Structure formats: structure tokens, C-alpha cells
């Protein structure tokens, strides 16, 4: 004879409440920026003539500013303290040679993916050791097309970072140095023009 497990009504209610709390925690929004205003308390746009219009922030590449800032292109920072999070946004790079997403902490970089028309390079930044930056992974896939909007999602969870771009690319990268507290993240580019929209960050 099969035995049946019976759960009391109070216990069942407790499980349901705990499940709901866990779901709410997973969906807790830490930041959103839909560019309805030129200013946002967490946003820092630098090294270029960034303009906010109709829900988008955009910027042309300026060679003089690039040299002024020691070969660093226009960038948008978001100052936000987190460790594990899901970061989503959309970007459009037109005739750009590089698009870079970076997570940083108080000491420097933590995670970086550098995307080019001919492929990508993932970097880790161990806090100890002789090399400041090491290659964690690389690929030959083109992760963006010039002049086309693409959705990007970066999920940081412990020592893993999962990058999803559009419907064709999703890969998880692992390094012990990724599991550190972050203080901000950024998106930058070189050459051409760049546009960014719908930035949302949720707690993992």
C-alpha cells in the first residue's frame, strides 16, 4: 500500500510564503534607466558628447578626445554596489571596432568582455599574481552587427559570469576572481557611433 505524505495547512502556508519571498528577492530591481531624463543618479557618461533623446543615450566617437584620454573611448558608468546580479540592456554600434562591458570594484576591474566584429575576448583580473589581466576565454563569433540593436544580458553569480547576446550567443565564463564585490559596471566603445537603452539591473 502506498503511503501518502500529509502536510498541515499551517506548514503549507509557510512553504508558500517562503517561496513567494524567494521569488520577490530574485526579482528585486536594483537599478533601471530608460533615459527619460538627461540625468540619472547612478549614471556617469564620460569621454564623449553623450546625448539623451527619446529613451536612448548616444554618442559619436571623437578622435581628439580619444587621444586626450590616453586611447580610451566614450563610456557610460553605472555606480551600483552588488556582488550577484542580472544586468540587461540593449545597444547599437554603428561602424564601431570595439564594444566593451566591464565590472569593477574598488581596486580595479573584475570582469570584462571585449567584443569586435571579428570575435570576442574575455578577461579576468586576479588580485594576486604578476599579470594584472589574463585571458579567460575567446571566440570568433561576431556578437553584434553594425547599425543593428542587440539585447545583452550579463549574469554574475559567484565565480561565474554568463553572457547572453541576442538569441544566438550564451556562454558562462568561470574564474575565481569573478566572485568579488562590485562597485560599478560600464559600457564603452571605439570608433563610429554608439547608442544604449533600457538598462535594468536585478538582484540575482
N, C-alpha and C. Protein backbone atom coordinates (compact mmCIF):
# COMPACT_ATOMS: atom_id res chain seq x y z
N UNK A 1 0.85 -1.19 0.00
CA UNK A 1 0.00 0.00 0.00
C UNK A 1 0.88 1.24 0.00
N UNK A 2 0.53 2.16 -0.86
CA UNK A 2 1.31 3.38 -0.94
C UNK A 2 0.95 4.32 0.20
N UNK A 3 1.97 4.88 0.82
CA UNK A 3 1.74 5.85 1.88
C UNK A 3 1.64 7.25 1.30
N UNK A 4 0.88 8.07 1.92
CA UNK A 4 0.71 9.46 1.48
C UNK A 4 1.29 10.41 2.51
N UNK A 5 2.00 11.40 2.01
CA UNK A 5 2.55 12.41 2.90
C UNK A 5 1.54 13.54 3.05
N UNK A 6 1.17 13.79 4.26
CA UNK A 6 0.20 14.85 4.51
C UNK A 6 0.89 16.07 5.12
N UNK A 7 0.60 17.22 4.57
CA UNK A 7 1.17 18.47 5.07
C UNK A 7 0.05 19.30 5.67
N UNK A 8 0.26 19.76 6.88
CA UNK A 8 -0.76 20.55 7.55
C UNK A 8 -0.94 21.90 6.86
N UNK A 9 -2.09 22.49 7.05
CA UNK A 9 -2.38 23.79 6.43
C UNK A 9 -1.38 24.87 6.85
N UNK A 10 -1.03 24.98 8.14
CA UNK A 10 -0.03 26.00 8.52
C UNK A 10 1.33 25.78 7.86
N UNK A 11 1.76 24.50 7.76
CA UNK A 11 3.05 24.22 7.13
C UNK A 11 3.02 24.57 5.65
N UNK A 12 1.90 24.23 5.00
CA UNK A 12 1.76 24.55 3.58
C UNK A 12 1.79 26.06 3.35
N UNK A 13 1.11 26.79 4.22
CA UNK A 13 1.11 28.25 4.11
C UNK A 13 2.51 28.81 4.28
N UNK A 14 3.26 28.21 5.20
CA UNK A 14 4.64 28.66 5.44
C UNK A 14 5.51 28.44 4.20
N UNK A 15 5.37 27.25 3.58
CA UNK A 15 6.14 26.97 2.36
C UNK A 15 5.80 27.95 1.25
N UNK A 16 4.51 28.25 1.12
CA UNK A 16 4.08 29.17 0.07
C UNK A 16 4.64 30.57 0.30
N UNK A 17 4.65 31.01 1.55
CA UNK A 17 5.16 32.34 1.88
C UNK A 17 6.66 32.42 1.62
N UNK A 18 7.40 31.35 2.03
CA UNK A 18 8.84 31.34 1.80
C UNK A 18 9.15 31.34 0.31
N UNK A 19 8.35 30.60 -0.45
CA UNK A 19 8.55 30.58 -1.90
C UNK A 19 8.30 31.93 -2.51
N UNK A 20 7.28 32.62 -2.04
CA UNK A 20 6.96 33.95 -2.57
C UNK A 20 8.05 34.94 -2.23
N UNK A 21 8.60 34.84 -1.00
CA UNK A 21 9.68 35.73 -0.60
C UNK A 21 10.92 35.49 -1.46
N UNK A 22 11.22 34.21 -1.71
CA UNK A 22 12.36 33.89 -2.56
C UNK A 22 12.19 34.43 -3.96
N UNK A 23 10.96 34.34 -4.47
CA UNK A 23 10.69 34.86 -5.81
C UNK A 23 10.84 36.36 -5.85
N UNK A 24 10.37 37.05 -4.82
CA UNK A 24 10.50 38.50 -4.77
C UNK A 24 11.95 38.93 -4.69
N UNK A 25 12.73 38.18 -3.89
CA UNK A 25 14.15 38.50 -3.78
C UNK A 25 14.85 38.35 -5.11
N UNK A 26 14.47 37.29 -5.86
CA UNK A 26 15.11 37.06 -7.15
C UNK A 26 14.76 38.13 -8.16
N UNK A 27 13.63 38.81 -7.95
CA UNK A 27 13.19 39.81 -8.90
C UNK A 27 13.40 41.24 -8.40
N UNK A 28 14.13 41.40 -7.30
CA UNK A 28 14.35 42.72 -6.75
C UNK A 28 15.13 43.60 -7.72
N UNK A 29 14.55 44.71 -8.12
CA UNK A 29 15.21 45.61 -9.06
C UNK A 29 16.15 46.54 -8.31
N UNK A 30 17.40 46.55 -8.73
CA UNK A 30 18.40 47.41 -8.10
C UNK A 30 18.56 48.74 -8.82
N UNK A 31 18.29 48.74 -10.13
CA UNK A 31 18.51 49.94 -10.93
C UNK A 31 17.76 49.81 -12.25
N UNK A 32 17.23 50.92 -12.71
CA UNK A 32 16.67 50.97 -14.07
C UNK A 32 16.91 52.36 -14.65
N UNK A 33 17.24 52.39 -15.92
CA UNK A 33 17.48 53.65 -16.62
C UNK A 33 16.95 53.51 -18.04
N UNK A 34 15.82 54.16 -18.28
CA UNK A 34 15.21 54.13 -19.61
C UNK A 34 15.39 55.48 -20.32
N UNK A 35 16.31 56.28 -19.81
CA UNK A 35 16.74 57.52 -20.44
C UNK A 35 15.57 58.47 -20.74
N UNK A 36 14.76 58.64 -19.70
CA UNK A 36 13.66 59.61 -19.79
C UNK A 36 14.13 60.99 -19.34
N UNK A 37 15.34 61.04 -18.77
CA UNK A 37 15.91 62.30 -18.29
C UNK A 37 17.39 62.35 -18.64
N UNK A 38 17.93 63.54 -18.88
CA UNK A 38 19.37 63.66 -19.16
C UNK A 38 20.24 63.18 -18.01
N UNK A 39 19.70 63.20 -16.79
CA UNK A 39 20.47 62.80 -15.62
C UNK A 39 19.85 61.58 -14.96
N UNK A 40 20.71 60.76 -14.38
CA UNK A 40 20.29 59.62 -13.57
C UNK A 40 21.28 59.52 -12.41
N UNK A 41 20.78 59.27 -11.18
CA UNK A 41 21.68 59.30 -10.02
C UNK A 41 22.83 58.31 -10.08
N UNK A 42 22.68 57.22 -10.82
CA UNK A 42 23.73 56.21 -10.87
C UNK A 42 24.58 56.29 -12.14
N UNK A 43 24.13 57.08 -13.12
CA UNK A 43 24.79 57.11 -14.43
C UNK A 43 25.88 58.17 -14.51
N UNK A 44 27.04 57.76 -15.11
CA UNK A 44 28.11 58.70 -15.41
C UNK A 44 28.54 58.47 -16.86
N UNK A 45 28.22 59.40 -17.72
CA UNK A 45 28.63 59.31 -19.12
C UNK A 45 29.85 60.21 -19.32
N UNK A 46 30.91 59.65 -19.89
CA UNK A 46 32.19 60.38 -19.95
C UNK A 46 32.90 60.14 -21.27
N UNK A 47 33.93 60.95 -21.50
CA UNK A 47 34.85 60.84 -22.62
C UNK A 47 34.17 60.96 -23.98
N UNK A 48 33.08 61.75 -24.03
CA UNK A 48 32.39 61.93 -25.30
C UNK A 48 31.18 62.84 -25.15
N UNK A 49 30.58 63.21 -26.27
CA UNK A 49 29.41 64.08 -26.29
C UNK A 49 28.15 63.23 -26.25
N UNK A 50 27.83 62.71 -25.08
CA UNK A 50 26.66 61.85 -24.91
C UNK A 50 25.39 62.69 -24.88
N UNK A 51 24.37 62.23 -25.60
CA UNK A 51 23.10 62.93 -25.67
C UNK A 51 21.96 61.95 -25.37
N UNK A 52 21.02 62.41 -24.55
CA UNK A 52 19.84 61.61 -24.22
C UNK A 52 18.65 62.14 -24.98
N UNK A 53 17.98 61.25 -25.73
CA UNK A 53 16.83 61.65 -26.54
C UNK A 53 15.96 60.45 -26.83
N UNK A 54 14.66 60.59 -26.56
CA UNK A 54 13.66 59.58 -26.90
C UNK A 54 14.03 58.19 -26.39
N UNK A 55 14.42 58.13 -25.12
CA UNK A 55 14.69 56.85 -24.48
C UNK A 55 16.01 56.20 -24.83
N UNK A 56 16.93 56.96 -25.41
CA UNK A 56 18.22 56.42 -25.83
C UNK A 56 19.32 57.41 -25.46
N UNK A 57 20.48 56.90 -25.06
CA UNK A 57 21.67 57.74 -24.92
C UNK A 57 22.63 57.33 -26.03
N UNK A 58 23.20 58.32 -26.72
CA UNK A 58 24.07 58.01 -27.86
C UNK A 58 25.25 58.97 -27.89
N UNK A 59 26.28 58.56 -28.65
CA UNK A 59 27.49 59.35 -28.70
C UNK A 59 28.28 59.01 -29.95
N UNK A 60 28.87 60.03 -30.62
CA UNK A 60 29.81 59.75 -31.71
C UNK A 60 31.22 59.63 -31.16
N UNK A 61 32.04 58.88 -31.84
CA UNK A 61 33.44 58.77 -31.45
C UNK A 61 34.18 60.04 -31.84
N UNK A 62 35.06 60.51 -30.96
CA UNK A 62 35.83 61.72 -31.20
C UNK A 62 37.31 61.39 -31.05
N UNK A 63 38.06 61.48 -32.12
CA UNK A 63 39.47 61.09 -32.11
C UNK A 63 40.30 61.97 -31.17
N UNK A 64 39.99 63.27 -31.11
CA UNK A 64 40.75 64.16 -30.24
C UNK A 64 40.53 63.80 -28.76
N UNK A 65 39.29 63.51 -28.40
CA UNK A 65 39.02 63.10 -27.02
C UNK A 65 39.65 61.74 -26.72
N UNK A 66 39.67 60.87 -27.70
CA UNK A 66 40.29 59.56 -27.54
C UNK A 66 41.77 59.71 -27.17
N UNK A 67 42.46 60.60 -27.85
CA UNK A 67 43.86 60.85 -27.53
C UNK A 67 44.01 61.56 -26.19
N UNK A 68 43.11 62.48 -25.92
CA UNK A 68 43.15 63.21 -24.65
C UNK A 68 43.05 62.26 -23.46
N UNK A 69 42.21 61.23 -23.61
CA UNK A 69 42.01 60.27 -22.52
C UNK A 69 42.87 59.02 -22.70
N UNK A 70 44.01 59.19 -23.34
CA UNK A 70 45.03 58.15 -23.44
C UNK A 70 44.48 56.87 -24.07
N UNK A 71 43.88 57.05 -25.24
CA UNK A 71 43.36 55.93 -26.04
C UNK A 71 42.25 55.15 -25.34
N UNK A 72 41.38 55.89 -24.65
CA UNK A 72 40.18 55.32 -24.05
C UNK A 72 38.96 55.99 -24.68
N UNK A 73 38.03 55.18 -25.17
CA UNK A 73 36.87 55.70 -25.87
C UNK A 73 35.74 56.13 -24.94
N UNK A 74 34.65 56.66 -25.52
CA UNK A 74 33.49 57.08 -24.73
C UNK A 74 32.94 55.94 -23.88
N UNK A 75 32.41 56.28 -22.72
CA UNK A 75 32.00 55.26 -21.76
C UNK A 75 30.81 55.73 -20.94
N UNK A 76 29.96 54.79 -20.53
CA UNK A 76 28.87 55.05 -19.59
C UNK A 76 29.06 54.13 -18.38
N UNK A 77 29.21 54.74 -17.21
CA UNK A 77 29.32 54.00 -15.95
C UNK A 77 27.97 54.00 -15.23
N UNK A 78 27.74 52.93 -14.47
CA UNK A 78 26.64 52.90 -13.51
C UNK A 78 27.22 52.54 -12.15
N UNK A 79 27.14 53.48 -11.21
CA UNK A 79 27.65 53.26 -9.87
C UNK A 79 26.60 52.50 -9.05
N UNK A 80 26.92 51.27 -8.72
CA UNK A 80 25.98 50.40 -8.01
C UNK A 80 26.77 49.31 -7.30
N UNK A 81 26.56 49.20 -5.99
CA UNK A 81 27.23 48.16 -5.21
C UNK A 81 26.44 46.85 -5.32
N UNK A 82 27.11 45.78 -5.74
CA UNK A 82 26.47 44.48 -5.84
C UNK A 82 27.54 43.41 -5.90
N UNK A 83 27.14 42.18 -5.72
CA UNK A 83 28.02 41.03 -5.97
C UNK A 83 27.40 40.15 -7.05
N UNK A 84 26.20 39.65 -6.78
CA UNK A 84 25.48 38.83 -7.75
C UNK A 84 24.32 39.63 -8.31
N UNK A 85 24.20 39.69 -9.62
CA UNK A 85 23.15 40.49 -10.25
C UNK A 85 22.95 40.07 -11.69
N UNK A 86 21.79 40.46 -12.23
CA UNK A 86 21.49 40.28 -13.65
C UNK A 86 21.38 41.66 -14.28
N UNK A 87 22.24 41.95 -15.24
CA UNK A 87 22.29 43.26 -15.90
C UNK A 87 21.80 43.09 -17.33
N UNK A 88 20.79 43.88 -17.70
CA UNK A 88 20.24 43.80 -19.05
C UNK A 88 20.24 45.19 -19.69
N UNK A 89 20.54 45.22 -20.98
CA UNK A 89 20.46 46.47 -21.75
C UNK A 89 20.48 46.12 -23.24
N UNK A 90 20.22 47.12 -24.04
CA UNK A 90 20.30 46.97 -25.49
C UNK A 90 21.28 48.02 -26.02
N UNK A 91 22.04 47.65 -27.05
CA UNK A 91 22.97 48.62 -27.64
C UNK A 91 22.97 48.50 -29.16
N UNK A 92 23.37 49.59 -29.79
CA UNK A 92 23.54 49.63 -31.24
C UNK A 92 24.87 50.29 -31.54
N UNK A 93 25.78 49.54 -32.15
CA UNK A 93 27.10 50.05 -32.51
C UNK A 93 27.18 50.15 -34.03
N UNK A 94 27.42 51.35 -34.52
CA UNK A 94 27.48 51.59 -35.97
C UNK A 94 28.91 51.92 -36.37
N UNK A 95 29.50 51.03 -37.15
CA UNK A 95 30.89 51.17 -37.60
C UNK A 95 31.87 51.26 -36.43
N UNK A 96 31.53 50.61 -35.33
CA UNK A 96 32.42 50.57 -34.16
C UNK A 96 33.35 49.37 -34.26
N UNK A 97 34.58 49.55 -33.85
CA UNK A 97 35.56 48.46 -33.89
C UNK A 97 35.59 47.65 -32.61
N UNK A 98 35.15 48.27 -31.51
CA UNK A 98 35.16 47.58 -30.20
C UNK A 98 33.97 48.05 -29.37
N UNK A 99 33.31 47.10 -28.70
CA UNK A 99 32.34 47.39 -27.65
C UNK A 99 32.76 46.58 -26.43
N UNK A 100 32.87 47.25 -25.28
CA UNK A 100 33.39 46.60 -24.08
C UNK A 100 32.43 46.74 -22.91
N UNK A 101 32.17 45.62 -22.24
CA UNK A 101 31.42 45.63 -20.98
C UNK A 101 32.38 45.25 -19.87
N UNK A 102 32.35 46.03 -18.75
CA UNK A 102 33.29 45.80 -17.65
C UNK A 102 32.59 45.92 -16.31
N UNK A 103 32.93 45.02 -15.39
CA UNK A 103 32.52 45.15 -13.98
C UNK A 103 33.77 45.51 -13.18
N UNK A 104 33.59 46.43 -12.23
CA UNK A 104 34.73 46.93 -11.45
C UNK A 104 34.45 46.85 -9.95
N UNK A 105 35.54 46.82 -9.18
CA UNK A 105 35.41 47.00 -7.73
C UNK A 105 36.29 48.17 -7.31
N UNK A 106 36.49 48.34 -6.02
CA UNK A 106 37.24 49.50 -5.53
C UNK A 106 38.71 49.46 -5.98
N UNK A 107 39.23 48.27 -6.23
CA UNK A 107 40.65 48.15 -6.60
C UNK A 107 40.88 48.21 -8.11
N UNK A 108 39.84 47.97 -8.90
CA UNK A 108 40.01 47.95 -10.35
C UNK A 108 39.00 47.06 -11.03
N UNK A 109 39.40 46.47 -12.17
CA UNK A 109 38.49 45.64 -12.96
C UNK A 109 38.30 44.27 -12.31
N UNK A 110 37.10 43.69 -12.54
CA UNK A 110 36.80 42.34 -12.08
C UNK A 110 36.52 41.42 -13.27
N UNK A 111 35.64 41.85 -14.15
CA UNK A 111 35.27 41.05 -15.34
C UNK A 111 35.18 41.99 -16.54
N UNK A 112 35.60 41.48 -17.70
CA UNK A 112 35.49 42.28 -18.92
C UNK A 112 35.30 41.37 -20.12
N UNK A 113 34.38 41.77 -21.00
CA UNK A 113 34.26 41.13 -22.30
C UNK A 113 34.43 42.21 -23.38
N UNK A 114 35.37 41.97 -24.28
CA UNK A 114 35.68 42.89 -25.37
C UNK A 114 35.13 42.28 -26.66
N UNK A 115 34.22 42.99 -27.30
CA UNK A 115 33.56 42.48 -28.50
C UNK A 115 34.01 43.26 -29.72
N UNK A 116 34.42 42.54 -30.75
CA UNK A 116 34.83 43.13 -32.02
C UNK A 116 34.03 42.47 -33.14
N UNK A 117 34.00 43.09 -34.32
CA UNK A 117 33.29 42.45 -35.44
C UNK A 117 33.80 41.05 -35.76
N UNK A 118 35.08 40.80 -35.47
CA UNK A 118 35.67 39.50 -35.81
C UNK A 118 35.69 38.51 -34.65
N UNK A 119 35.17 38.89 -33.48
CA UNK A 119 35.16 37.95 -32.36
C UNK A 119 35.15 38.66 -31.01
N UNK A 120 35.44 37.90 -29.95
CA UNK A 120 35.39 38.46 -28.59
C UNK A 120 36.53 37.91 -27.75
N UNK A 121 36.81 38.62 -26.65
CA UNK A 121 37.87 38.25 -25.72
C UNK A 121 37.36 38.53 -24.31
N UNK A 122 37.48 37.55 -23.44
CA UNK A 122 37.03 37.68 -22.05
C UNK A 122 38.25 37.75 -21.15
N UNK A 123 38.24 38.73 -20.25
CA UNK A 123 39.39 38.95 -19.37
C UNK A 123 39.03 38.72 -17.90
N UNK A 124 40.01 38.27 -17.15
CA UNK A 124 39.92 38.19 -15.69
C UNK A 124 41.06 39.02 -15.12
N UNK A 125 40.87 39.49 -13.89
CA UNK A 125 41.84 40.39 -13.27
C UNK A 125 42.15 39.89 -11.85
N UNK A 126 42.97 38.85 -11.75
CA UNK A 126 43.30 38.30 -10.44
C UNK A 126 43.92 39.36 -9.52
N UNK A 127 43.46 39.43 -8.27
CA UNK A 127 44.03 40.43 -7.35
C UNK A 127 45.47 40.13 -6.96
N UNK A 128 45.90 38.87 -7.16
CA UNK A 128 47.27 38.50 -6.83
C UNK A 128 47.93 37.89 -8.06
N UNK A 129 49.22 38.03 -8.14
CA UNK A 129 49.96 37.47 -9.27
C UNK A 129 50.66 38.54 -10.07
N UNK A 130 51.51 38.10 -10.97
CA UNK A 130 52.32 39.03 -11.74
C UNK A 130 51.52 39.75 -12.82
N UNK A 131 50.53 39.07 -13.40
CA UNK A 131 49.78 39.65 -14.51
C UNK A 131 48.52 40.33 -14.01
N UNK A 132 48.36 41.59 -14.41
CA UNK A 132 47.18 42.35 -14.00
C UNK A 132 45.93 41.84 -14.69
N UNK A 133 46.07 41.40 -15.94
CA UNK A 133 44.94 40.94 -16.73
C UNK A 133 45.31 39.66 -17.46
N UNK A 134 44.40 38.67 -17.44
CA UNK A 134 44.64 37.42 -18.15
C UNK A 134 43.44 37.10 -19.03
N UNK A 135 43.68 36.37 -20.10
CA UNK A 135 42.60 35.96 -20.97
C UNK A 135 41.91 34.74 -20.38
N UNK A 136 40.60 34.86 -20.16
CA UNK A 136 39.83 33.75 -19.60
C UNK A 136 39.16 32.93 -20.70
N UNK A 137 38.86 33.57 -21.83
CA UNK A 137 38.22 32.87 -22.95
C UNK A 137 38.28 33.77 -24.17
N UNK A 138 38.03 33.18 -25.34
CA UNK A 138 38.00 33.94 -26.58
C UNK A 138 37.19 33.16 -27.61
N UNK A 139 36.66 33.87 -28.59
CA UNK A 139 35.89 33.21 -29.63
C UNK A 139 35.87 34.05 -30.89
N UNK A 140 35.48 33.43 -31.97
CA UNK A 140 35.46 34.11 -33.27
C UNK A 140 34.06 34.54 -33.70
N UNK A 141 33.06 34.34 -32.83
CA UNK A 141 31.71 34.76 -33.17
C UNK A 141 31.59 36.28 -33.19
N UNK A 142 30.88 36.81 -34.17
CA UNK A 142 30.57 38.24 -34.20
C UNK A 142 29.33 38.45 -33.35
N UNK A 143 29.47 39.16 -32.24
CA UNK A 143 28.38 39.28 -31.27
C UNK A 143 27.47 40.47 -31.53
N UNK A 144 27.84 41.32 -32.48
CA UNK A 144 26.95 42.43 -32.87
C UNK A 144 27.16 42.75 -34.34
N UNK A 145 26.13 43.32 -34.94
CA UNK A 145 26.18 43.74 -36.34
C UNK A 145 26.08 45.26 -36.40
N UNK A 146 26.86 45.87 -37.25
CA UNK A 146 26.87 47.32 -37.35
C UNK A 146 25.49 47.87 -37.68
N UNK A 147 25.05 48.84 -36.86
CA UNK A 147 23.80 49.53 -37.12
C UNK A 147 22.55 48.79 -36.66
N UNK A 148 22.71 47.66 -35.95
CA UNK A 148 21.55 46.89 -35.51
C UNK A 148 21.50 46.85 -33.98
N UNK A 149 20.28 47.00 -33.43
CA UNK A 149 20.09 46.87 -31.99
C UNK A 149 20.27 45.41 -31.59
N UNK A 150 20.91 45.19 -30.45
CA UNK A 150 21.07 43.84 -29.92
C UNK A 150 20.86 43.88 -28.41
N UNK A 151 20.17 42.87 -27.87
CA UNK A 151 19.95 42.77 -26.43
C UNK A 151 21.13 42.03 -25.79
N UNK A 152 21.56 42.53 -24.65
CA UNK A 152 22.67 41.90 -23.93
C UNK A 152 22.29 41.69 -22.48
N UNK A 153 22.65 40.54 -21.95
CA UNK A 153 22.40 40.23 -20.54
C UNK A 153 23.66 39.63 -19.93
N UNK A 154 24.05 40.18 -18.78
CA UNK A 154 25.22 39.68 -18.05
C UNK A 154 24.76 39.27 -16.66
N UNK A 155 24.94 37.98 -16.33
CA UNK A 155 24.53 37.46 -15.03
C UNK A 155 25.76 37.08 -14.24
N UNK A 156 25.98 37.79 -13.14
CA UNK A 156 27.11 37.50 -12.25
C UNK A 156 26.60 36.71 -11.05
N UNK A 157 27.16 35.52 -10.86
CA UNK A 157 26.78 34.67 -9.73
C UNK A 157 28.02 33.97 -9.22
N UNK A 158 28.52 34.42 -8.08
CA UNK A 158 29.72 33.83 -7.52
C UNK A 158 30.89 33.95 -8.48
N UNK A 159 31.53 32.84 -8.77
CA UNK A 159 32.70 32.83 -9.65
C UNK A 159 32.35 32.62 -11.11
N UNK A 160 31.05 32.74 -11.45
CA UNK A 160 30.60 32.56 -12.82
C UNK A 160 29.95 33.83 -13.36
N UNK A 161 30.21 34.12 -14.62
CA UNK A 161 29.55 35.21 -15.32
C UNK A 161 28.99 34.64 -16.62
N UNK A 162 27.68 34.75 -16.79
CA UNK A 162 27.04 34.26 -18.00
C UNK A 162 26.65 35.44 -18.88
N UNK A 163 27.10 35.41 -20.11
CA UNK A 163 26.82 36.48 -21.06
C UNK A 163 25.87 35.95 -22.13
N UNK A 164 24.76 36.65 -22.31
CA UNK A 164 23.80 36.31 -23.36
C UNK A 164 23.64 37.52 -24.27
N UNK A 165 23.81 37.31 -25.57
CA UNK A 165 23.68 38.40 -26.53
C UNK A 165 22.74 37.95 -27.64
N UNK A 166 21.62 38.64 -27.77
CA UNK A 166 20.62 38.25 -28.74
C UNK A 166 20.11 36.84 -28.47
N UNK A 167 19.72 36.13 -29.52
CA UNK A 167 19.22 34.76 -29.39
C UNK A 167 20.25 33.72 -29.81
N UNK A 168 21.45 34.14 -30.20
CA UNK A 168 22.40 33.21 -30.79
C UNK A 168 23.63 32.94 -29.92
N UNK A 169 23.84 33.75 -28.87
CA UNK A 169 25.05 33.56 -28.08
C UNK A 169 24.71 33.57 -26.60
N UNK A 170 25.12 32.51 -25.91
CA UNK A 170 25.02 32.44 -24.45
C UNK A 170 26.13 31.53 -23.95
N UNK A 171 26.99 32.08 -23.09
CA UNK A 171 28.12 31.30 -22.60
C UNK A 171 28.46 31.73 -21.18
N UNK A 172 28.87 30.76 -20.37
CA UNK A 172 29.26 31.02 -18.99
C UNK A 172 30.78 30.95 -18.86
N UNK A 173 31.33 31.98 -18.22
CA UNK A 173 32.77 32.07 -18.01
C UNK A 173 33.04 31.96 -16.51
N UNK A 174 34.11 31.23 -16.16
CA UNK A 174 34.41 30.99 -14.74
C UNK A 174 35.84 31.41 -14.42
N UNK A 175 35.97 32.10 -13.28
CA UNK A 175 37.29 32.42 -12.74
C UNK A 175 37.11 32.78 -11.28
N UNK A 176 38.04 32.35 -10.44
CA UNK A 176 37.91 32.59 -9.00
C UNK A 176 37.82 34.08 -8.67
N UNK A 177 38.43 34.92 -9.50
CA UNK A 177 38.45 36.36 -9.22
C UNK A 177 37.12 37.04 -9.52
N UNK A 178 36.19 36.35 -10.23
CA UNK A 178 34.91 36.98 -10.54
C UNK A 178 33.99 37.10 -9.32
N UNK A 179 34.21 36.26 -8.31
CA UNK A 179 33.31 36.24 -7.17
C UNK A 179 33.62 37.30 -6.13
N UNK A 180 33.79 38.53 -6.57
CA UNK A 180 34.10 39.63 -5.65
C UNK A 180 33.00 40.69 -5.70
N UNK A 181 32.96 41.51 -4.66
CA UNK A 181 32.01 42.63 -4.65
C UNK A 181 32.34 43.59 -5.78
N UNK A 182 31.30 44.15 -6.39
CA UNK A 182 31.48 45.16 -7.43
C UNK A 182 30.95 46.50 -6.94
N UNK A 183 31.51 47.56 -7.52
CA UNK A 183 31.03 48.90 -7.17
C UNK A 183 30.43 49.62 -8.37
N UNK A 184 30.70 49.15 -9.58
CA UNK A 184 30.07 49.73 -10.77
C UNK A 184 30.28 48.81 -11.97
N UNK A 185 29.57 49.12 -13.06
CA UNK A 185 29.81 48.47 -14.33
C UNK A 185 29.76 49.53 -15.42
N UNK A 186 30.31 49.19 -16.58
CA UNK A 186 30.39 50.19 -17.64
C UNK A 186 30.26 49.55 -19.01
N UNK A 187 29.87 50.39 -19.98
CA UNK A 187 29.84 50.01 -21.39
C UNK A 187 30.58 51.09 -22.15
N UNK A 188 31.53 50.69 -23.01
CA UNK A 188 32.31 51.67 -23.76
C UNK A 188 32.48 51.20 -25.19
N UNK A 189 33.00 52.09 -26.04
CA UNK A 189 33.17 51.73 -27.45
C UNK A 189 34.31 52.54 -28.07
N UNK A 190 34.76 52.07 -29.22
CA UNK A 190 35.73 52.79 -30.05
C UNK A 190 35.20 52.89 -31.48
N UNK A 191 35.38 54.05 -32.08
CA UNK A 191 35.04 54.31 -33.48
C UNK A 191 33.51 54.32 -33.71
N UNK A 192 33.12 55.01 -34.79
CA UNK A 192 31.72 55.04 -35.19
C UNK A 192 30.83 55.79 -34.21
N UNK A 193 29.61 55.32 -34.08
CA UNK A 193 28.65 55.88 -33.12
C UNK A 193 28.05 54.74 -32.32
N UNK A 194 27.58 55.09 -31.13
CA UNK A 194 27.08 54.06 -30.21
C UNK A 194 25.82 54.57 -29.52
N UNK A 195 24.86 53.67 -29.32
CA UNK A 195 23.61 54.02 -28.63
C UNK A 195 23.28 52.93 -27.61
N UNK A 196 22.67 53.35 -26.51
CA UNK A 196 22.36 52.45 -25.40
C UNK A 196 20.95 52.76 -24.90
N UNK A 197 20.19 51.71 -24.52
CA UNK A 197 18.85 51.93 -23.99
C UNK A 197 18.46 50.79 -23.04
N UNK A 198 17.41 51.06 -22.25
CA UNK A 198 16.75 50.06 -21.41
C UNK A 198 17.72 49.29 -20.50
N UNK A 199 18.42 50.04 -19.66
CA UNK A 199 19.33 49.43 -18.71
C UNK A 199 18.57 49.04 -17.44
N UNK A 200 18.59 47.76 -17.10
CA UNK A 200 17.90 47.27 -15.91
C UNK A 200 18.81 46.30 -15.17
N UNK A 201 18.91 46.45 -13.85
CA UNK A 201 19.71 45.56 -13.02
C UNK A 201 18.82 44.98 -11.93
N UNK A 202 18.85 43.65 -11.80
CA UNK A 202 18.08 42.98 -10.76
C UNK A 202 19.01 42.11 -9.92
N UNK A 203 18.67 41.99 -8.65
CA UNK A 203 19.43 41.13 -7.76
C UNK A 203 19.24 39.68 -8.20
N UNK A 204 20.32 38.91 -8.11
CA UNK A 204 20.21 37.51 -8.53
C UNK A 204 19.65 36.69 -7.38
